[in-house]
Amino acid sequence: MNILRNVLMAAALFMVPAASASDQGAIYHGEMSWYCIECNGGTHTASGETLNDWAMTAAHKSLPLGTKVRVTNLENDRSVVVTINDRGPYIDGRIIDVTKGVAHKLDFVVDGVVDVKVEVL
């Protein structure tokens, strides 16, 4: 039964538009934090995917699952493209949570929270 559930959730991801026309090109500023399996309270994302601490994925409150965004750490100007596959963050001021792997690439694992620019692709 779990296999069928996973297949259906994966298929649903491909049916979701990457971003609505009104989202494309949007730019947001706020705080970015990172999360991991131990921090998440579970091993699955809102999309049904297994949470992978090293995947280039992120959680956002409202962008459609499957949306690609460029996140830029404004403290060092490093950026990476990630896919929205989860919901959150739920802390005021934070606009996106990324995996620990993304945090490593953007060099803010130790800081934990940084100012970010999020560009919807």
PDB file of N, CA and C in Angstrom:
ATOM      1  N   MET A   1       0.817  -1.194   0.000  1.00  0.00           N
ATOM      2  CA  MET A   1       0.000   0.000   0.000  1.00  0.00           C
ATOM      3  C   MET A   1       0.864   1.264   0.000  1.00  0.00           C
ATOM      4  N   ASN A   2       1.988   1.241   0.741  1.00  0.00           N
ATOM      5  CA  ASN A   2       2.877   2.400   0.770  1.00  0.00           C
ATOM      6  C   ASN A   2       3.462   2.695  -0.593  1.00  0.00           C
ATOM      7  N   ILE A   3       3.746   1.641  -1.368  1.00  0.00           N
ATOM      8  CA  ILE A   3       4.309   1.843  -2.705  1.00  0.00           C
ATOM      9  C   ILE A   3       3.298   2.578  -3.579  1.00  0.00           C
ATOM     10  N   LEU A   4       2.048   2.141  -3.542  1.00  0.00           N
ATOM     11  CA  LEU A   4       1.002   2.794  -4.329  1.00  0.00           C
ATOM     12  C   LEU A   4       0.852   4.252  -3.914  1.00  0.00           C
ATOM     13  N   ARG A   5       0.849   4.510  -2.609  1.00  0.00           N
ATOM     14  CA  ARG A   5       0.740   5.891  -2.102  1.00  0.00           C
ATOM     15  C   ARG A   5       1.878   6.745  -2.633  1.00  0.00           C
ATOM     16  N   ASN A   6       3.099   6.224  -2.576  1.00  0.00           N
ATOM     17  CA  ASN A   6       4.259   6.975  -3.055  1.00  0.00           C
ATOM     18  C   ASN A   6       4.189   7.242  -4.546  1.00  0.00           C
ATOM     19  N   VAL A   7       3.735   6.258  -5.321  1.00  0.00           N
ATOM     20  CA  VAL A   7       3.609   6.436  -6.774  1.00  0.00           C
ATOM     21  C   VAL A   7       2.573   7.510  -7.078  1.00  0.00           C
ATOM     22  N   LEU A   8       1.437   7.466  -6.390  1.00  0.00           N
ATOM     23  CA  LEU A   8       0.387   8.462  -6.619  1.00  0.00           C
ATOM     24  C   LEU A   8       0.846   9.865  -6.239  1.00  0.00           C
ATOM     25  N   MET A   9       1.564   9.981  -5.123  1.00  0.00           N
ATOM     26  CA  MET A   9       2.052  11.298  -4.708  1.00  0.00           C
ATOM     27  C   MET A   9       3.102  11.818  -5.682  1.00  0.00           C
ATOM     28  N   ALA A  10       3.963  10.948  -6.167  1.00  0.00           N
ATOM     29  CA  ALA A  10       4.976  11.362  -7.139  1.00  0.00           C
ATOM     30  C   ALA A  10       4.309  11.817  -8.430  1.00  0.00           C
ATOM     31  N   ALA A  11       3.287  11.088  -8.876  1.00  0.00           N
ATOM     32  CA  ALA A  11       2.561  11.478 -10.091  1.00  0.00           C
ATOM     33  C   ALA A  11       1.872  12.819  -9.899  1.00  0.00           C
ATOM     34  N   ALA A  12       1.316  13.055  -8.716  1.00  0.00           N
ATOM     35  CA  ALA A  12       0.644  14.325  -8.433  1.00  0.00           C
ATOM     36  C   ALA A  12       1.610  15.489  -8.506  1.00  0.00           C
ATOM     37  N   LEU A  13       2.854  15.286  -8.117  1.00  0.00           N
ATOM     38  CA  LEU A  13       3.864  16.344  -8.186  1.00  0.00           C
ATOM     39  C   LEU A  13       4.051  16.830  -9.608  1.00  0.00           C
ATOM     40  N   PHE A  14       4.032  15.904 -10.566  1.00  0.00           N
ATOM     41  CA  PHE A  14       4.258  16.280 -11.952  1.00  0.00           C
ATOM     42  C   PHE A  14       3.037  16.955 -12.572  1.00  0.00           C
ATOM     43  N   MET A  15       1.873  16.812 -11.949  1.00  0.00           N
ATOM     44  CA  MET A  15       0.677  17.453 -12.460  1.00  0.00           C
ATOM     45  C   MET A  15       0.508  18.866 -11.914  1.00  0.00           C
ATOM     46  N   VAL A  16       1.273  19.226 -10.903  1.00  0.00           N
ATOM     47  CA  VAL A  16       1.198  20.558 -10.315  1.00  0.00           C
ATOM     48  C   VAL A  16       2.036  21.510 -11.164  1.00  0.00           C
ATOM     49  N   PRO A  17       1.490  22.633 -11.579  1.00  0.00           N
ATOM     50  CA  PRO A  17       2.309  23.572 -12.352  1.00  0.00           C
ATOM     51  C   PRO A  17       3.478  24.069 -11.513  1.00  0.00           C
ATOM     52  N   ALA A  18       4.606  24.309 -12.172  1.00  0.00           N
ATOM     53  CA  ALA A  18       5.808  24.742 -11.455  1.00  0.00           C
ATOM     54  C   ALA A  18       5.526  26.000 -10.644  1.00  0.00           C
ATOM     55  N   ALA A  19       4.858  26.945 -11.223  1.00  0.00           N
ATOM     56  CA  ALA A  19       4.459  28.166 -10.512  1.00  0.00           C
ATOM     57  C   ALA A  19       3.361  28.808 -11.343  1.00  0.00           C
ATOM     58  N   SER A  20       2.444  29.453 -10.679  1.00  0.00           N
ATOM     59  CA  SER A  20       1.404  30.135 -11.438  1.00  0.00           C
ATOM     60  C   SER A  20       2.017  31.335 -12.142  1.00  0.00           C
ATOM     61  N   ALA A  21       1.336  31.812 -13.164  1.00  0.00           N
ATOM     62  CA  ALA A  21       1.846  32.947 -13.924  1.00  0.00           C
ATOM     63  C   ALA A  21       2.088  34.153 -13.022  1.00  0.00           C
ATOM     64  N   SER A  22       1.263  34.297 -11.982  1.00  0.00           N
ATOM     65  CA  SER A  22       1.435  35.444 -11.092  1.00  0.00           C
ATOM     66  C   SER A  22       2.653  35.290 -10.184  1.00  0.00           C
ATOM     67  N   ASP A  23       3.105  34.050  -9.957  1.00  0.00           N
ATOM     68  CA  ASP A  23       4.275  33.811  -9.113  1.00  0.00           C
ATOM     69  C   ASP A  23       5.585  33.978  -9.878  1.00  0.00           C
ATOM     70  N   GLN A  24       5.603  33.601 -11.145  1.00  0.00           N
ATOM     71  CA  GLN A  24       6.847  33.626 -11.905  1.00  0.00           C
ATOM     72  C   GLN A  24       7.451  35.022 -11.918  1.00  0.00           C
ATOM     73  N   GLY A  25       8.732  35.077 -11.586  1.00  0.00           N
ATOM     74  CA  GLY A  25       9.443  36.347 -11.552  1.00  0.00           C
ATOM     75  C   GLY A  25       9.328  37.091 -10.231  1.00  0.00           C
ATOM     76  N   ALA A  26       8.486  36.589  -9.341  1.00  0.00           N
ATOM     77  CA  ALA A  26       8.326  37.256  -8.041  1.00  0.00           C
ATOM     78  C   ALA A  26       9.625  37.144  -7.249  1.00  0.00           C
ATOM     79  N   ILE A  27       9.918  38.179  -6.473  1.00  0.00           N
ATOM     80  CA  ILE A  27      11.104  38.203  -5.616  1.00  0.00           C
ATOM     81  C   ILE A  27      10.647  38.528  -4.197  1.00  0.00           C
ATOM     82  N   TYR A  28      11.123  37.723  -3.249  1.00  0.00           N
ATOM     83  CA  TYR A  28      10.765  37.908  -1.844  1.00  0.00           C
ATOM     84  C   TYR A  28      12.034  38.072  -1.019  1.00  0.00           C
ATOM     85  N   HIS A  29      11.940  38.866   0.040  1.00  0.00           N
ATOM     86  CA  HIS A  29      13.050  39.045   0.981  1.00  0.00           C
ATOM     87  C   HIS A  29      12.565  38.705   2.385  1.00  0.00           C
ATOM     88  N   GLY A  30      13.434  38.084   3.152  1.00  0.00           N
ATOM     89  CA  GLY A  30      13.097  37.723   4.521  1.00  0.00           C
ATOM     90  C   GLY A  30      14.221  36.906   5.112  1.00  0.00           C
ATOM     91  N   GLU A  31      13.867  36.017   6.024  1.00  0.00           N
ATOM     92  CA  GLU A  31      14.872  35.164   6.650  1.00  0.00           C
ATOM     93  C   GLU A  31      14.737  33.735   6.142  1.00  0.00           C
ATOM     94  N   MET A  32      15.887  33.077   6.025  1.00  0.00           N
ATOM     95  CA  MET A  32      15.956  31.680   5.621  1.00  0.00           C
ATOM     96  C   MET A  32      16.571  30.896   6.769  1.00  0.00           C
ATOM     97  N   SER A  33      16.024  29.716   7.021  1.00  0.00           N
ATOM     98  CA  SER A  33      16.592  28.807   8.000  1.00  0.00           C
ATOM     99  C   SER A  33      16.728  27.443   7.340  1.00  0.00           C
ATOM    100  N   TRP A  34      17.387  26.530   8.048  1.00  0.00           N
ATOM    101  CA  TRP A  34      17.515  25.183   7.494  1.00  0.00           C
ATOM    102  C   TRP A  34      16.919  24.175   8.448  1.00  0.00           C
ATOM    103  N   TYR A  35      16.536  23.034   7.891  1.00  0.00           N
ATOM    104  CA  TYR A  35      15.973  21.959   8.704  1.00  0.00           C
ATOM    105  C   TYR A  35      16.476  20.616   8.199  1.00  0.00           C
ATOM    106  N   CYS A  36      16.298  19.597   9.044  1.00  0.00           N
ATOM    107  CA  CYS A  36      16.792  18.269   8.703  1.00  0.00           C
ATOM    108  C   CYS A  36      15.827  17.228   9.253  1.00  0.00           C
ATOM    109  N   ILE A  37      16.120  15.980   9.004  1.00  0.00           N
ATOM    110  CA  ILE A  37      15.220  14.906   9.436  1.00  0.00           C
ATOM    111  C   ILE A  37      14.941  14.999  10.927  1.00  0.00           C
ATOM    112  N   GLU A  38      15.987  15.173  11.745  1.00  0.00           N
ATOM    113  CA  GLU A  38      15.781  15.243  13.189  1.00  0.00           C
ATOM    114  C   GLU A  38      14.956  16.465  13.588  1.00  0.00           C
ATOM    115  N   CYS A  39      15.084  17.554  12.823  1.00  0.00           N
ATOM    116  CA  CYS A  39      14.400  18.809  13.156  1.00  0.00           C
ATOM    117  C   CYS A  39      12.954  18.819  12.671  1.00  0.00           C
ATOM    118  N   ASN A  40      12.645  17.976  11.690  1.00  0.00           N
ATOM    119  CA  ASN A  40      11.368  18.035  10.996  1.00  0.00           C
ATOM    120  C   ASN A  40      10.246  17.314  11.722  1.00  0.00           C
ATOM    121  N   GLY A  41      10.583  16.383  12.604  1.00  0.00           N
ATOM    122  CA  GLY A  41       9.548  15.630  13.288  1.00  0.00           C
ATOM    123  C   GLY A  41       8.958  14.525  12.431  1.00  0.00           C
ATOM    124  N   GLY A  42       9.590  14.239  11.319  1.00  0.00           N
ATOM    125  CA  GLY A  42       9.118  13.190  10.423  1.00  0.00           C
ATOM    126  C   GLY A  42      10.069  13.030   9.265  1.00  0.00           C
ATOM    127  N   THR A  43       9.815  12.031   8.463  1.00  0.00           N
ATOM    128  CA  THR A  43      10.727  11.770   7.353  1.00  0.00           C
ATOM    129  C   THR A  43      10.108  12.030   5.985  1.00  0.00           C
ATOM    130  N   HIS A  44       8.870  12.516   5.972  1.00  0.00           N
ATOM    131  CA  HIS A  44       8.235  12.811   4.689  1.00  0.00           C
ATOM    132  C   HIS A  44       7.887  14.294   4.580  1.00  0.00           C
ATOM    133  N   THR A  45       7.953  14.776   3.361  1.00  0.00           N
ATOM    134  CA  THR A  45       7.612  16.167   3.082  1.00  0.00           C
ATOM    135  C   THR A  45       6.140  16.264   2.714  1.00  0.00           C
ATOM    136  N   ALA A  46       5.646  17.470   2.575  1.00  0.00           N
ATOM    137  CA  ALA A  46       4.245  17.679   2.196  1.00  0.00           C
ATOM    138  C   ALA A  46       3.942  17.096   0.821  1.00  0.00           C
ATOM    139  N   SER A  47       4.955  16.959  -0.028  1.00  0.00           N
ATOM    140  CA  SER A  47       4.756  16.390  -1.359  1.00  0.00           C
ATOM    141  C   SER A  47       4.695  14.870  -1.326  1.00  0.00           C
ATOM    142  N   GLY A  48       5.017  14.273  -0.166  1.00  0.00           N
ATOM    143  CA  GLY A  48       5.039  12.830  -0.051  1.00  0.00           C
ATOM    144  C   GLY A  48       6.418  12.240  -0.250  1.00  0.00           C
ATOM    145  N   GLU A  49       7.366  13.072  -0.701  1.00  0.00           N
ATOM    146  CA  GLU A  49       8.734  12.599  -0.875  1.00  0.00           C
ATOM    147  C   GLU A  49       9.370  12.340   0.490  1.00  0.00           C
ATOM    148  N   THR A  50      10.329  11.425   0.504  1.00  0.00           N
ATOM    149  CA  THR A  50      11.117  11.209   1.712  1.00  0.00           C
ATOM    150  C   THR A  50      12.052  12.403   1.873  1.00  0.00           C
ATOM    151  N   LEU A  51      12.095  12.951   3.081  1.00  0.00           N
ATOM    152  CA  LEU A  51      12.984  14.081   3.336  1.00  0.00           C
ATOM    153  C   LEU A  51      14.436  13.626   3.208  1.00  0.00           C
ATOM    154  N   ASN A  52      15.182  14.332   2.380  1.00  0.00           N
ATOM    155  CA  ASN A  52      16.593  14.034   2.144  1.00  0.00           C
ATOM    156  C   ASN A  52      17.378  15.266   2.580  1.00  0.00           C
ATOM    157  N   ASP A  53      18.166  15.126   3.631  1.00  0.00           N
ATOM    158  CA  ASP A  53      18.907  16.264   4.172  1.00  0.00           C
ATOM    159  C   ASP A  53      19.865  16.896   3.169  1.00  0.00           C
ATOM    160  N   TRP A  54      20.237  16.179   2.116  1.00  0.00           N
ATOM    161  CA  TRP A  54      21.242  16.682   1.170  1.00  0.00           C
ATOM    162  C   TRP A  54      20.655  17.041  -0.183  1.00  0.00           C
ATOM    163  N   ALA A  55      19.342  16.918  -0.341  1.00  0.00           N
ATOM    164  CA  ALA A  55      18.690  17.296  -1.597  1.00  0.00           C
ATOM    165  C   ALA A  55      18.600  18.813  -1.698  1.00  0.00           C
ATOM    166  N   MET A  56      18.481  19.311  -2.906  1.00  0.00           N
ATOM    167  CA  MET A  56      18.336  20.742  -3.132  1.00  0.00           C
ATOM    168  C   MET A  56      16.840  21.078  -3.127  1.00  0.00           C
ATOM    169  N   THR A  57      16.247  20.999  -1.919  1.00  0.00           N
ATOM    170  CA  THR A  57      14.817  21.220  -1.754  1.00  0.00           C
ATOM    171  C   THR A  57      14.559  22.189  -0.606  1.00  0.00           C
ATOM    172  N   ALA A  58      13.292  22.640  -0.533  1.00  0.00           N
ATOM    173  CA  ALA A  58      12.945  23.642   0.474  1.00  0.00           C
ATOM    174  C   ALA A  58      11.469  23.578   0.818  1.00  0.00           C
ATOM    175  N   ALA A  59      11.130  24.235   1.925  1.00  0.00           N
ATOM    176  CA  ALA A  59       9.744  24.381   2.368  1.00  0.00           C
ATOM    177  C   ALA A  59       9.338  25.845   2.223  1.00  0.00           C
ATOM    178  N   HIS A  60       8.137  26.059   1.700  1.00  0.00           N
ATOM    179  CA  HIS A  60       7.566  27.398   1.564  1.00  0.00           C
ATOM    180  C   HIS A  60       6.095  27.302   1.928  1.00  0.00           C
ATOM    181  N   LYS A  61       5.546  28.379   2.475  1.00  0.00           N
ATOM    182  CA  LYS A  61       4.164  28.349   2.955  1.00  0.00           C
ATOM    183  C   LYS A  61       3.136  28.235   1.838  1.00  0.00           C
ATOM    184  N   SER A  62       3.374  28.891   0.690  1.00  0.00           N
ATOM    185  CA  SER A  62       2.292  28.975  -0.286  1.00  0.00           C
ATOM    186  C   SER A  62       2.661  28.677  -1.736  1.00  0.00           C
ATOM    187  N   LEU A  63       3.922  28.717  -2.112  1.00  0.00           N
ATOM    188  CA  LEU A  63       4.255  28.416  -3.506  1.00  0.00           C
ATOM    189  C   LEU A  63       3.876  26.981  -3.828  1.00  0.00           C
ATOM    190  N   PRO A  64       3.401  26.727  -5.050  1.00  0.00           N
ATOM    191  CA  PRO A  64       3.018  25.359  -5.415  1.00  0.00           C
ATOM    192  C   PRO A  64       4.181  24.387  -5.258  1.00  0.00           C
ATOM    193  N   LEU A  65       3.875  23.188  -4.773  1.00  0.00           N
ATOM    194  CA  LEU A  65       4.898  22.149  -4.696  1.00  0.00           C
ATOM    195  C   LEU A  65       5.429  21.909  -6.102  1.00  0.00           C
ATOM    196  N   GLY A  66       6.740  21.755  -6.213  1.00  0.00           N
ATOM    197  CA  GLY A  66       7.382  21.576  -7.509  1.00  0.00           C
ATOM    198  C   GLY A  66       7.957  22.851  -8.090  1.00  0.00           C
ATOM    199  N   THR A  67       7.630  24.000  -7.485  1.00  0.00           N
ATOM    200  CA  THR A  67       8.149  25.276  -7.961  1.00  0.00           C
ATOM    201  C   THR A  67       9.659  25.349  -7.739  1.00  0.00           C
ATOM    202  N   LYS A  68      10.373  25.858  -8.730  1.00  0.00           N
ATOM    203  CA  LYS A  68      11.818  26.074  -8.609  1.00  0.00           C
ATOM    204  C   LYS A  68      12.043  27.533  -8.233  1.00  0.00           C
ATOM    205  N   VAL A  69      12.922  27.741  -7.252  1.00  0.00           N
ATOM    206  CA  VAL A  69      13.272  29.090  -6.824  1.00  0.00           C
ATOM    207  C   VAL A  69      14.784  29.189  -6.663  1.00  0.00           C
ATOM    208  N   ARG A  70      15.298  30.381  -6.879  1.00  0.00           N
ATOM    209  CA  ARG A  70      16.711  30.652  -6.589  1.00  0.00           C
ATOM    210  C   ARG A  70      16.754  31.336  -5.238  1.00  0.00           C
ATOM    211  N   VAL A  71      17.508  30.761  -4.305  1.00  0.00           N
ATOM    212  CA  VAL A  71      17.678  31.371  -2.994  1.00  0.00           C
ATOM    213  C   VAL A  71      19.097  31.923  -2.917  1.00  0.00           C
ATOM    214  N   THR A  72      19.199  33.167  -2.460  1.00  0.00           N
ATOM    215  CA  THR A  72      20.498  33.834  -2.346  1.00  0.00           C
ATOM    216  C   THR A  72      20.714  34.274  -0.917  1.00  0.00           C
ATOM    217  N   ASN A  73      21.807  33.795  -0.328  1.00  0.00           N
ATOM    218  CA  ASN A  73      22.222  34.218   1.000  1.00  0.00           C
ATOM    219  C   ASN A  73      22.756  35.646   0.844  1.00  0.00           C
ATOM    220  N   LEU A  74      22.067  36.630   1.395  1.00  0.00           N
ATOM    221  CA  LEU A  74      22.451  38.033   1.197  1.00  0.00           C
ATOM    222  C   LEU A  74      23.690  38.426   1.997  1.00  0.00           C
ATOM    223  N   GLU A  75      24.134  37.558   2.892  1.00  0.00           N
ATOM    224  CA  GLU A  75      25.341  37.863   3.661  1.00  0.00           C
ATOM    225  C   GLU A  75      26.621  37.510   2.917  1.00  0.00           C
ATOM    226  N   ASN A  76      26.531  36.571   1.936  1.00  0.00           N
ATOM    227  CA  ASN A  76      27.741  36.210   1.181  1.00  0.00           C
ATOM    228  C   ASN A  76      27.490  36.117  -0.327  1.00  0.00           C
ATOM    229  N   ASP A  77      26.281  36.404  -0.767  1.00  0.00           N
ATOM    230  CA  ASP A  77      25.873  36.430  -2.174  1.00  0.00           C
ATOM    231  C   ASP A  77      25.933  35.062  -2.860  1.00  0.00           C
ATOM    232  N   ARG A  78      25.998  33.980  -2.100  1.00  0.00           N
ATOM    233  CA  ARG A  78      25.943  32.640  -2.697  1.00  0.00           C
ATOM    234  C   ARG A  78      24.490  32.302  -2.981  1.00  0.00           C
ATOM    235  N   SER A  79      24.263  31.604  -4.104  1.00  0.00           N
ATOM    236  CA  SER A  79      22.893  31.223  -4.438  1.00  0.00           C
ATOM    237  C   SER A  79      22.851  29.811  -5.005  1.00  0.00           C
ATOM    238  N   VAL A  80      21.667  29.223  -4.952  1.00  0.00           N
ATOM    239  CA  VAL A  80      21.423  27.883  -5.478  1.00  0.00           C
ATOM    240  C   VAL A  80      19.945  27.791  -5.849  1.00  0.00           C
ATOM    241  N   VAL A  81      19.643  26.945  -6.826  1.00  0.00           N
ATOM    242  CA  VAL A  81      18.254  26.707  -7.217  1.00  0.00           C
ATOM    243  C   VAL A  81      17.747  25.488  -6.457  1.00  0.00           C
ATOM    244  N   VAL A  82      16.569  25.626  -5.855  1.00  0.00           N
ATOM    245  CA  VAL A  82      15.955  24.537  -5.098  1.00  0.00           C
ATOM    246  C   VAL A  82      14.521  24.319  -5.581  1.00  0.00           C
ATOM    247  N   THR A  83      13.989  23.169  -5.245  1.00  0.00           N
ATOM    248  CA  THR A  83      12.604  22.824  -5.569  1.00  0.00           C
ATOM    249  C   THR A  83      11.783  22.826  -4.292  1.00  0.00           C
ATOM    250  N   ILE A  84      10.628  23.477  -4.326  1.00  0.00           N
ATOM    251  CA  ILE A  84       9.727  23.488  -3.175  1.00  0.00           C
ATOM    252  C   ILE A  84       9.020  22.135  -3.108  1.00  0.00           C
ATOM    253  N   ASN A  85       9.237  21.402  -2.005  1.00  0.00           N
ATOM    254  CA  ASN A  85       8.576  20.109  -1.844  1.00  0.00           C
ATOM    255  C   ASN A  85       7.958  19.932  -0.457  1.00  0.00           C
ATOM    256  N   ASP A  86       7.938  21.009   0.322  1.00  0.00           N
ATOM    257  CA  ASP A  86       7.412  20.906   1.684  1.00  0.00           C
ATOM    258  C   ASP A  86       6.765  22.232   2.073  1.00  0.00           C
ATOM    259  N   ARG A  87       6.068  22.236   3.194  1.00  0.00           N
ATOM    260  CA  ARG A  87       5.405  23.437   3.710  1.00  0.00           C
ATOM    261  C   ARG A  87       6.121  23.938   4.954  1.00  0.00           C
ATOM    262  N   GLY A  88       6.094  25.226   5.143  1.00  0.00           N
ATOM    263  CA  GLY A  88       6.754  25.887   6.261  1.00  0.00           C
ATOM    264  C   GLY A  88       7.504  27.066   5.697  1.00  0.00           C
ATOM    265  N   PRO A  89       8.292  27.749   6.444  1.00  0.00           N
ATOM    266  CA  PRO A  89       8.458  27.671   7.894  1.00  0.00           C
ATOM    267  C   PRO A  89       7.290  28.350   8.601  1.00  0.00           C
ATOM    268  N   TYR A  90       7.167  28.080   9.876  1.00  0.00           N
ATOM    269  CA  TYR A  90       6.057  28.621  10.658  1.00  0.00           C
ATOM    270  C   TYR A  90       6.538  29.511  11.785  1.00  0.00           C
ATOM    271  N   ILE A  91       7.627  30.229  11.540  1.00  0.00           N
ATOM    272  CA  ILE A  91       8.175  31.179  12.503  1.00  0.00           C
ATOM    273  C   ILE A  91       8.136  32.558  11.841  1.00  0.00           C
ATOM    274  N   ASP A  92       7.606  33.552  12.535  1.00  0.00           N
ATOM    275  CA  ASP A  92       7.483  34.900  11.976  1.00  0.00           C
ATOM    276  C   ASP A  92       8.794  35.392  11.391  1.00  0.00           C
ATOM    277  N   GLY A  93       8.719  35.996  10.215  1.00  0.00           N
ATOM    278  CA  GLY A  93       9.877  36.584   9.556  1.00  0.00           C
ATOM    279  C   GLY A  93      10.588  35.625   8.631  1.00  0.00           C
ATOM    280  N   ARG A  94      10.422  34.337   8.840  1.00  0.00           N
ATOM    281  CA  ARG A  94      11.088  33.357   7.972  1.00  0.00           C
ATOM    282  C   ARG A  94      10.208  33.057   6.774  1.00  0.00           C
ATOM    283  N   ILE A  95      10.817  33.110   5.597  1.00  0.00           N
ATOM    284  CA  ILE A  95      10.032  32.897   4.390  1.00  0.00           C
ATOM    285  C   ILE A  95      10.336  31.579   3.700  1.00  0.00           C
ATOM    286  N   ILE A  96      11.444  30.937   4.064  1.00  0.00           N
ATOM    287  CA  ILE A  96      11.788  29.663   3.442  1.00  0.00           C
ATOM    288  C   ILE A  96      12.691  28.864   4.379  1.00  0.00           C
ATOM    289  N   ASP A  97      12.469  27.561   4.394  1.00  0.00           N
ATOM    290  CA  ASP A  97      13.340  26.610   5.085  1.00  0.00           C
ATOM    291  C   ASP A  97      13.994  25.762   4.010  1.00  0.00           C
ATOM    292  N   VAL A  98      15.280  25.567   4.106  1.00  0.00           N
ATOM    293  CA  VAL A  98      16.001  24.737   3.140  1.00  0.00           C
ATOM    294  C   VAL A  98      16.621  23.542   3.854  1.00  0.00           C
ATOM    295  N   THR A  99      17.035  22.554   3.088  1.00  0.00           N
ATOM    296  CA  THR A  99      17.686  21.394   3.684  1.00  0.00           C
ATOM    297  C   THR A  99      19.080  21.763   4.174  1.00  0.00           C
ATOM    298  N   LYS A 100      19.629  20.879   4.990  1.00  0.00           N
ATOM    299  CA  LYS A 100      20.980  21.086   5.512  1.00  0.00           C
ATOM    300  C   LYS A 100      21.997  21.143   4.366  1.00  0.00           C
ATOM    301  N   GLY A 101      21.766  20.371   3.305  1.00  0.00           N
ATOM    302  CA  GLY A 101      22.657  20.402   2.142  1.00  0.00           C
ATOM    303  C   GLY A 101      22.695  21.766   1.478  1.00  0.00           C
ATOM    304  N   VAL A 102      21.539  22.399   1.364  1.00  0.00           N
ATOM    305  CA  VAL A 102      21.480  23.757   0.804  1.00  0.00           C
ATOM    306  C   VAL A 102      22.192  24.721   1.738  1.00  0.00           C
ATOM    307  N   ALA A 103      21.974  24.554   3.038  1.00  0.00           N
ATOM    308  CA  ALA A 103      22.634  25.423   4.023  1.00  0.00           C
ATOM    309  C   ALA A 103      24.153  25.314   3.913  1.00  0.00           C
ATOM    310  N   HIS A 104      24.655  24.102   3.657  1.00  0.00           N
ATOM    311  CA  HIS A 104      26.100  23.934   3.456  1.00  0.00           C
ATOM    312  C   HIS A 104      26.562  24.696   2.220  1.00  0.00           C
ATOM    313  N   LYS A 105      25.838  24.541   1.113  1.00  0.00           N
ATOM    314  CA  LYS A 105      26.231  25.224  -0.127  1.00  0.00           C
ATOM    315  C   LYS A 105      26.201  26.742   0.030  1.00  0.00           C
ATOM    316  N   LEU A 106      25.262  27.236   0.836  1.00  0.00           N
ATOM    317  CA  LEU A 106      25.123  28.682   1.030  1.00  0.00           C
ATOM    318  C   LEU A 106      25.893  29.182   2.250  1.00  0.00           C
ATOM    319  N   ASP A 107      26.596  28.273   2.923  1.00  0.00           N
ATOM    320  CA  ASP A 107      27.490  28.590   4.027  1.00  0.00           C
ATOM    321  C   ASP A 107      26.797  29.308   5.190  1.00  0.00           C
ATOM    322  N   PHE A 108      25.692  28.690   5.683  1.00  0.00           N
ATOM    323  CA  PHE A 108      25.074  29.273   6.881  1.00  0.00           C
ATOM    324  C   PHE A 108      24.615  28.215   7.882  1.00  0.00           C
ATOM    325  N   VAL A 109      25.235  27.043   7.854  1.00  0.00           N
ATOM    326  CA  VAL A 109      24.859  25.990   8.801  1.00  0.00           C
ATOM    327  C   VAL A 109      25.068  26.459  10.233  1.00  0.00           C
ATOM    328  N   VAL A 110      26.197  27.070  10.500  1.00  0.00           N
ATOM    329  CA  VAL A 110      26.502  27.508  11.872  1.00  0.00           C
ATOM    330  C   VAL A 110      25.565  28.634  12.300  1.00  0.00           C
ATOM    331  N   ASP A 111      25.333  29.598  11.427  1.00  0.00           N
ATOM    332  CA  ASP A 111      24.450  30.723  11.761  1.00  0.00           C
ATOM    333  C   ASP A 111      23.004  30.264  11.948  1.00  0.00           C
ATOM    334  N   GLY A 112      22.565  29.346  11.111  1.00  0.00           N
ATOM    335  CA  GLY A 112      21.216  28.800  11.225  1.00  0.00           C
ATOM    336  C   GLY A 112      20.128  29.617  10.561  1.00  0.00           C
ATOM    337  N   VAL A 113      20.238  30.922  10.603  1.00  0.00           N
ATOM    338  CA  VAL A 113      19.251  31.825  10.003  1.00  0.00           C
ATOM    339  C   VAL A 113      20.009  32.976   9.351  1.00  0.00           C
ATOM    340  N   VAL A 114      19.646  33.303   8.100  1.00  0.00           N
ATOM    341  CA  VAL A 114      20.271  34.420   7.394  1.00  0.00           C
ATOM    342  C   VAL A 114      19.213  35.169   6.579  1.00  0.00           C
ATOM    343  N   ASP A 115      19.560  36.378   6.186  1.00  0.00           N
ATOM    344  CA  ASP A 115      18.707  37.140   5.283  1.00  0.00           C
ATOM    345  C   ASP A 115      18.832  36.538   3.888  1.00  0.00           C
ATOM    346  N   VAL A 116      17.698  36.476   3.192  1.00  0.00           N
ATOM    347  CA  VAL A 116      17.647  35.775   1.906  1.00  0.00           C
ATOM    348  C   VAL A 116      16.827  36.547   0.879  1.00  0.00           C
ATOM    349  N   LYS A 117      17.173  36.328  -0.371  1.00  0.00           N
ATOM    350  CA  LYS A 117      16.342  36.746  -1.493  1.00  0.00           C
ATOM    351  C   LYS A 117      15.873  35.467  -2.169  1.00  0.00           C
ATOM    352  N   VAL A 118      14.556  35.355  -2.411  1.00  0.00           N
ATOM    353  CA  VAL A 118      13.973  34.190  -3.074  1.00  0.00           C
ATOM    354  C   VAL A 118      13.373  34.666  -4.383  1.00  0.00           C
ATOM    355  N   GLU A 119      13.849  34.117  -5.491  1.00  0.00           N
ATOM    356  CA  GLU A 119      13.351  34.465  -6.827  1.00  0.00           C
ATOM    357  C   GLU A 119      12.614  33.265  -7.420  1.00  0.00           C
ATOM    358  N   VAL A 120      11.353  33.444  -7.772  1.00  0.00           N
ATOM    359  CA  VAL A 120      10.577  32.360  -8.354  1.00  0.00           C
ATOM    360  C   VAL A 120      10.950  32.263  -9.833  1.00  0.00           C
ATOM    361  N   LEU A 121      11.376  31.066 -10.241  1.00  0.00           N
ATOM    362  CA  LEU A 121      11.815  30.850 -11.623  1.00  0.00           C
ATOM    363  C   LEU A 121      10.682  30.362 -12.510  1.00  0.00           C
TER     364      LEU A 121
END
